[in-house]
């Protein structure tokens, strides 16, 4: 099992797919990395040499912000919005949808399980 950016990537998958297990690397960035390092699209992680794994690791460390750093940056951005008490920060603080979705119905993922209100029957 190859370990890249602190993540054990699965060995039986294609390299392009396995790299997406790293937070911050999607299909497009994974494709860019494999083409830059001349790794074939059909190659599996178990078929990679140690040198190729090292090249992938160095390429990711040099060119991309992944895992802990990216999570920390995202958390700090949200914290900054909450400290400024802007509209988006208040929505984060209340646990409501941030990007303008309706909340009269739906929004259950963000709001949590529905709570019954006593005496609300009509």
N, C-alpha and C. Protein backbone atom coordinates (compact mmCIF):
# COMPACT_ATOMS: atom_id res chain seq x y z
N UNK A 1 0.85 -1.19 0.00
CA UNK A 1 0.00 0.00 0.00
C UNK A 1 0.89 1.24 0.00
N UNK A 2 0.67 2.11 -0.95
CA UNK A 2 1.47 3.34 -1.06
C UNK A 2 0.88 4.40 -0.12
N UNK A 3 1.77 5.16 0.49
CA UNK A 3 1.36 6.22 1.40
C UNK A 3 1.83 7.55 0.81
N UNK A 4 0.86 8.38 0.42
CA UNK A 4 1.16 9.68 -0.17
C UNK A 4 0.39 10.75 0.59
N UNK A 5 1.09 11.79 1.01
CA UNK A 5 0.49 12.93 1.75
C UNK A 5 -0.25 12.46 3.00
N UNK A 6 0.27 11.43 3.67
CA UNK A 6 -0.34 10.94 4.90
C UNK A 6 -1.57 10.09 4.70
N UNK A 7 -1.82 9.66 3.45
CA UNK A 7 -3.00 8.85 3.16
C UNK A 7 -2.56 7.54 2.51
N UNK A 8 -3.09 6.43 3.00
CA UNK A 8 -2.85 5.14 2.35
C UNK A 8 -3.77 5.05 1.15
N UNK A 9 -3.19 5.05 -0.05
CA UNK A 9 -4.03 4.95 -1.24
C UNK A 9 -4.17 3.48 -1.62
N UNK A 10 -5.35 3.09 -2.12
CA UNK A 10 -5.61 1.67 -2.43
C UNK A 10 -4.71 1.18 -3.56
N UNK A 11 -4.23 -0.05 -3.44
CA UNK A 11 -3.26 -0.59 -4.39
C UNK A 11 -3.88 -1.18 -5.64
N UNK A 12 -5.12 -1.64 -5.56
CA UNK A 12 -5.71 -2.33 -6.71
C UNK A 12 -6.44 -1.41 -7.68
N UNK A 13 -6.43 -0.10 -7.42
CA UNK A 13 -7.11 0.84 -8.31
C UNK A 13 -6.10 1.48 -9.25
N UNK A 14 -6.64 2.10 -10.33
CA UNK A 14 -5.77 2.84 -11.24
C UNK A 14 -5.21 4.06 -10.51
N UNK A 15 -4.04 4.50 -10.91
CA UNK A 15 -3.35 5.59 -10.23
C UNK A 15 -4.22 6.85 -10.21
N UNK A 16 -4.83 7.15 -11.35
CA UNK A 16 -5.64 8.35 -11.48
C UNK A 16 -6.79 8.36 -10.46
N UNK A 17 -7.41 7.22 -10.23
CA UNK A 17 -8.53 7.10 -9.29
C UNK A 17 -8.01 7.08 -7.86
N UNK A 18 -6.92 6.37 -7.62
CA UNK A 18 -6.38 6.24 -6.27
C UNK A 18 -5.93 7.57 -5.70
N UNK A 19 -5.41 8.46 -6.55
CA UNK A 19 -4.96 9.76 -6.06
C UNK A 19 -6.11 10.62 -5.55
N UNK A 20 -7.33 10.34 -6.00
CA UNK A 20 -8.48 11.13 -5.55
C UNK A 20 -8.84 10.83 -4.10
N UNK A 21 -8.25 9.81 -3.50
CA UNK A 21 -8.48 9.51 -2.09
C UNK A 21 -7.79 10.55 -1.20
N UNK A 22 -6.91 11.35 -1.78
CA UNK A 22 -6.22 12.41 -1.04
C UNK A 22 -7.11 13.65 -1.06
N UNK A 23 -7.37 14.22 0.10
CA UNK A 23 -8.21 15.42 0.19
C UNK A 23 -7.53 16.57 -0.53
N UNK A 24 -8.23 17.14 -1.49
CA UNK A 24 -7.67 18.26 -2.25
C UNK A 24 -7.25 17.88 -3.65
N UNK A 25 -7.31 16.58 -3.98
CA UNK A 25 -6.98 16.13 -5.33
C UNK A 25 -8.21 15.45 -5.91
N UNK A 26 -8.72 16.01 -6.99
CA UNK A 26 -9.86 15.43 -7.69
C UNK A 26 -9.39 14.75 -8.97
N UNK A 27 -10.35 14.44 -9.83
CA UNK A 27 -10.02 13.75 -11.08
C UNK A 27 -9.11 14.59 -11.97
N UNK A 28 -9.38 15.89 -12.08
CA UNK A 28 -8.61 16.75 -12.97
C UNK A 28 -7.16 16.87 -12.51
N UNK A 29 -6.96 17.15 -11.22
CA UNK A 29 -5.59 17.28 -10.72
C UNK A 29 -4.85 15.95 -10.79
N UNK A 30 -5.55 14.85 -10.54
CA UNK A 30 -4.92 13.53 -10.63
C UNK A 30 -4.47 13.26 -12.06
N UNK A 31 -5.30 13.64 -13.03
CA UNK A 31 -4.95 13.46 -14.43
C UNK A 31 -3.74 14.31 -14.80
N UNK A 32 -3.70 15.56 -14.29
CA UNK A 32 -2.56 16.44 -14.54
C UNK A 32 -1.27 15.83 -14.00
N UNK A 33 -1.33 15.30 -12.79
CA UNK A 33 -0.14 14.72 -12.16
C UNK A 33 0.37 13.52 -12.95
N UNK A 34 -0.55 12.63 -13.36
CA UNK A 34 -0.12 11.43 -14.08
C UNK A 34 0.44 11.77 -15.46
N UNK A 35 -0.13 12.75 -16.15
CA UNK A 35 0.40 13.11 -17.47
C UNK A 35 1.74 13.82 -17.33
N UNK A 36 1.89 14.64 -16.30
CA UNK A 36 3.15 15.35 -16.08
C UNK A 36 4.30 14.38 -15.79
N UNK A 37 3.99 13.30 -15.08
CA UNK A 37 5.03 12.31 -14.72
C UNK A 37 5.10 11.15 -15.71
N UNK A 38 4.34 11.23 -16.81
CA UNK A 38 4.33 10.18 -17.84
C UNK A 38 3.98 8.80 -17.28
N UNK A 39 2.93 8.76 -16.47
CA UNK A 39 2.42 7.49 -15.95
C UNK A 39 1.19 7.15 -16.77
N UNK A 40 1.14 5.96 -17.33
CA UNK A 40 0.04 5.54 -18.21
C UNK A 40 -1.29 5.55 -17.49
N UNK A 41 -2.35 5.74 -18.25
CA UNK A 41 -3.69 5.82 -17.65
C UNK A 41 -4.18 4.48 -17.12
N UNK A 42 -3.69 3.40 -17.69
CA UNK A 42 -4.15 2.07 -17.27
C UNK A 42 -3.30 1.46 -16.15
N UNK A 43 -2.27 2.16 -15.72
CA UNK A 43 -1.39 1.63 -14.67
C UNK A 43 -2.10 1.58 -13.33
N UNK A 44 -1.84 0.54 -12.59
CA UNK A 44 -2.40 0.38 -11.24
C UNK A 44 -1.35 0.79 -10.22
N UNK A 45 -1.79 1.11 -9.02
CA UNK A 45 -0.86 1.55 -7.97
C UNK A 45 0.11 0.44 -7.62
N UNK A 46 -0.35 -0.79 -7.62
CA UNK A 46 0.53 -1.91 -7.28
C UNK A 46 1.63 -2.12 -8.31
N UNK A 47 1.44 -1.62 -9.54
CA UNK A 47 2.45 -1.77 -10.59
C UNK A 47 3.48 -0.65 -10.58
N UNK A 48 3.28 0.38 -9.75
CA UNK A 48 4.23 1.49 -9.71
C UNK A 48 5.51 1.08 -9.00
N UNK A 49 6.63 1.64 -9.48
CA UNK A 49 7.91 1.40 -8.80
C UNK A 49 8.02 2.39 -7.64
N UNK A 50 8.97 2.13 -6.74
CA UNK A 50 9.18 3.03 -5.62
C UNK A 50 9.59 4.42 -6.10
N UNK A 51 10.34 4.46 -7.19
CA UNK A 51 10.78 5.74 -7.75
C UNK A 51 9.58 6.56 -8.25
N UNK A 52 8.62 5.90 -8.90
CA UNK A 52 7.44 6.60 -9.40
C UNK A 52 6.57 7.12 -8.25
N UNK A 53 6.44 6.32 -7.20
CA UNK A 53 5.67 6.75 -6.02
C UNK A 53 6.34 7.97 -5.40
N UNK A 54 7.66 7.95 -5.34
CA UNK A 54 8.41 9.08 -4.80
C UNK A 54 8.22 10.33 -5.66
N UNK A 55 8.21 10.16 -6.98
CA UNK A 55 7.98 11.29 -7.88
C UNK A 55 6.58 11.88 -7.67
N UNK A 56 5.58 11.02 -7.53
CA UNK A 56 4.21 11.48 -7.29
C UNK A 56 4.16 12.27 -5.98
N UNK A 57 4.78 11.71 -4.94
CA UNK A 57 4.78 12.36 -3.62
C UNK A 57 5.43 13.74 -3.69
N UNK A 58 6.57 13.82 -4.37
CA UNK A 58 7.27 15.11 -4.48
C UNK A 58 6.48 16.11 -5.31
N UNK A 59 5.84 15.64 -6.37
CA UNK A 59 5.03 16.52 -7.22
C UNK A 59 3.86 17.10 -6.44
N UNK A 60 3.20 16.28 -5.64
CA UNK A 60 2.07 16.74 -4.85
C UNK A 60 2.53 17.73 -3.78
N UNK A 61 3.65 17.42 -3.12
CA UNK A 61 4.16 18.32 -2.08
C UNK A 61 4.55 19.67 -2.65
N UNK A 62 5.10 19.68 -3.85
CA UNK A 62 5.59 20.92 -4.44
C UNK A 62 4.48 21.79 -5.02
N UNK A 63 3.51 21.17 -5.68
CA UNK A 63 2.56 21.94 -6.49
C UNK A 63 1.15 22.06 -5.92
N UNK A 64 0.77 21.25 -4.94
CA UNK A 64 -0.62 21.23 -4.50
C UNK A 64 -0.72 21.35 -2.99
N UNK A 65 -1.78 22.01 -2.54
CA UNK A 65 -2.07 22.09 -1.11
C UNK A 65 -3.10 21.01 -0.80
N UNK A 66 -2.72 20.05 0.03
CA UNK A 66 -3.59 18.89 0.28
C UNK A 66 -3.70 18.60 1.77
N UNK A 67 -4.62 17.73 2.08
CA UNK A 67 -4.88 17.17 3.41
C UNK A 67 -4.89 18.21 4.53
N UNK A 68 -4.03 18.09 5.51
CA UNK A 68 -4.09 18.91 6.72
C UNK A 68 -4.04 20.40 6.45
N UNK A 69 -3.13 20.82 5.57
CA UNK A 69 -3.00 22.25 5.26
C UNK A 69 -4.29 22.79 4.64
N UNK A 70 -4.87 22.02 3.73
CA UNK A 70 -6.09 22.46 3.06
C UNK A 70 -7.27 22.49 4.03
N UNK A 71 -7.38 21.47 4.87
CA UNK A 71 -8.46 21.44 5.87
C UNK A 71 -8.31 22.62 6.84
N UNK A 72 -7.07 22.90 7.25
CA UNK A 72 -6.81 24.01 8.17
C UNK A 72 -7.18 25.35 7.52
N UNK A 73 -6.82 25.52 6.25
CA UNK A 73 -7.13 26.75 5.54
C UNK A 73 -8.65 26.94 5.42
N UNK A 74 -9.37 25.87 5.10
CA UNK A 74 -10.83 25.95 5.00
C UNK A 74 -11.45 26.31 6.35
N UNK A 75 -10.98 25.67 7.41
CA UNK A 75 -11.51 25.95 8.75
C UNK A 75 -11.22 27.40 9.15
N UNK A 76 -10.05 27.90 8.81
CA UNK A 76 -9.70 29.29 9.14
C UNK A 76 -10.55 30.27 8.36
N UNK A 77 -10.86 29.95 7.09
CA UNK A 77 -11.72 30.81 6.29
C UNK A 77 -13.12 30.90 6.90
N UNK A 78 -13.66 29.76 7.34
CA UNK A 78 -14.98 29.75 7.96
C UNK A 78 -14.94 30.51 9.29
N UNK A 79 -13.88 30.30 10.07
CA UNK A 79 -13.73 30.99 11.35
C UNK A 79 -13.65 32.50 11.14
N UNK A 80 -12.96 32.94 10.10
CA UNK A 80 -12.83 34.36 9.79
C UNK A 80 -14.21 34.95 9.49
N UNK A 81 -15.02 34.23 8.71
CA UNK A 81 -16.37 34.70 8.40
C UNK A 81 -17.22 34.81 9.67
N UNK A 82 -17.06 33.83 10.56
CA UNK A 82 -17.84 33.83 11.79
C UNK A 82 -17.40 34.98 12.71
N UNK A 83 -16.10 35.26 12.77
CA UNK A 83 -15.59 36.34 13.61
C UNK A 83 -16.02 37.71 13.09
N UNK A 84 -16.11 37.86 11.76
CA UNK A 84 -16.55 39.12 11.18
C UNK A 84 -18.04 39.34 11.40
N UNK A 85 -18.77 38.28 11.71
CA UNK A 85 -20.22 38.32 11.91
C UNK A 85 -20.93 38.80 10.65
N UNK A 86 -20.40 38.45 9.48
CA UNK A 86 -21.09 38.75 8.24
C UNK A 86 -22.21 37.72 8.05
N UNK A 87 -23.03 37.92 7.04
CA UNK A 87 -24.18 37.06 6.83
C UNK A 87 -23.77 35.59 6.71
N UNK A 88 -22.77 35.33 5.88
CA UNK A 88 -22.33 33.94 5.71
C UNK A 88 -21.81 33.36 7.01
N UNK A 89 -21.11 34.17 7.80
CA UNK A 89 -20.61 33.71 9.09
C UNK A 89 -21.73 33.37 10.05
N UNK A 90 -22.78 34.19 10.05
CA UNK A 90 -23.93 33.91 10.91
C UNK A 90 -24.62 32.63 10.50
N UNK A 91 -24.74 32.39 9.20
CA UNK A 91 -25.36 31.15 8.71
C UNK A 91 -24.53 29.93 9.13
N UNK A 92 -23.19 30.05 9.05
CA UNK A 92 -22.33 28.96 9.52
C UNK A 92 -22.55 28.72 11.01
N UNK A 93 -22.60 29.81 11.77
CA UNK A 93 -22.75 29.70 13.23
C UNK A 93 -24.06 29.03 13.62
N UNK A 94 -25.14 29.37 12.88
CA UNK A 94 -26.46 28.79 13.18
C UNK A 94 -26.65 27.39 12.58
N UNK A 95 -25.73 26.97 11.72
CA UNK A 95 -25.86 25.65 11.11
C UNK A 95 -26.92 25.60 10.02
N UNK A 96 -27.13 26.72 9.33
CA UNK A 96 -28.11 26.78 8.25
C UNK A 96 -27.39 26.83 6.91
N UNK A 97 -28.09 26.61 5.80
CA UNK A 97 -27.45 26.69 4.49
C UNK A 97 -26.86 28.08 4.26
N UNK A 98 -25.67 28.12 3.66
CA UNK A 98 -24.93 29.36 3.53
C UNK A 98 -25.16 30.01 2.18
N UNK A 99 -25.45 29.25 1.17
CA UNK A 99 -25.43 29.76 -0.20
C UNK A 99 -26.81 30.03 -0.80
N UNK A 100 -27.74 30.49 0.01
CA UNK A 100 -29.00 30.98 -0.52
C UNK A 100 -30.08 29.93 -0.77
N UNK A 101 -29.89 28.70 -0.30
CA UNK A 101 -30.92 27.69 -0.51
C UNK A 101 -32.12 27.99 0.39
N UNK A 102 -33.29 27.47 0.00
CA UNK A 102 -34.48 27.68 0.81
C UNK A 102 -34.44 26.82 2.06
N UNK A 103 -35.06 27.29 3.14
CA UNK A 103 -35.06 26.52 4.39
C UNK A 103 -36.47 26.23 4.88
N UNK A 104 -37.49 26.79 4.23
CA UNK A 104 -38.87 26.52 4.66
C UNK A 104 -39.15 25.03 4.56
N UNK A 105 -38.76 24.43 3.42
CA UNK A 105 -38.78 22.98 3.29
C UNK A 105 -37.35 22.59 2.92
N UNK A 106 -37.07 21.34 2.94
CA UNK A 106 -35.73 20.83 2.62
C UNK A 106 -34.70 21.33 3.64
N UNK A 107 -33.44 21.38 3.28
CA UNK A 107 -32.34 21.81 4.16
C UNK A 107 -32.18 20.92 5.38
N UNK A 108 -32.72 19.71 5.33
CA UNK A 108 -32.64 18.80 6.48
C UNK A 108 -31.22 18.34 6.77
N UNK A 109 -30.39 18.23 5.76
CA UNK A 109 -29.01 17.80 5.98
C UNK A 109 -28.31 18.81 6.88
N UNK A 110 -28.53 20.07 6.61
CA UNK A 110 -27.84 21.13 7.33
C UNK A 110 -28.50 21.42 8.68
N UNK A 111 -29.85 21.39 8.74
CA UNK A 111 -30.56 21.74 9.96
C UNK A 111 -30.66 20.59 10.95
N UNK A 112 -30.56 19.36 10.48
CA UNK A 112 -30.71 18.21 11.36
C UNK A 112 -32.12 17.67 11.34
N UNK A 113 -32.35 16.68 12.18
CA UNK A 113 -33.67 16.03 12.21
C UNK A 113 -34.73 17.01 12.65
N UNK A 114 -35.95 16.90 12.07
CA UNK A 114 -37.05 17.82 12.37
C UNK A 114 -37.48 17.67 13.82
N UNK A 115 -37.66 18.80 14.50
CA UNK A 115 -38.08 18.81 15.90
C UNK A 115 -39.56 19.25 15.96
N UNK A 116 -40.41 18.48 16.60
CA UNK A 116 -41.81 18.89 16.68
C UNK A 116 -41.98 20.08 17.61
N UNK A 117 -42.91 20.98 17.25
CA UNK A 117 -43.18 22.17 18.05
C UNK A 117 -44.55 21.99 18.70
N UNK A 118 -44.61 22.09 20.02
CA UNK A 118 -45.87 21.86 20.76
C UNK A 118 -46.88 22.96 20.43
N UNK A 119 -48.14 22.56 20.21
CA UNK A 119 -49.20 23.52 19.97
C UNK A 119 -49.16 24.16 18.61
N UNK A 120 -48.54 23.56 17.65
CA UNK A 120 -48.43 24.14 16.31
C UNK A 120 -49.46 23.57 15.36
N UNK A 121 -50.37 22.69 15.87
CA UNK A 121 -51.35 22.05 14.98
C UNK A 121 -52.42 23.03 14.55
N UNK A 122 -52.90 22.90 13.31
CA UNK A 122 -54.00 23.74 12.80
C UNK A 122 -55.08 22.89 12.24
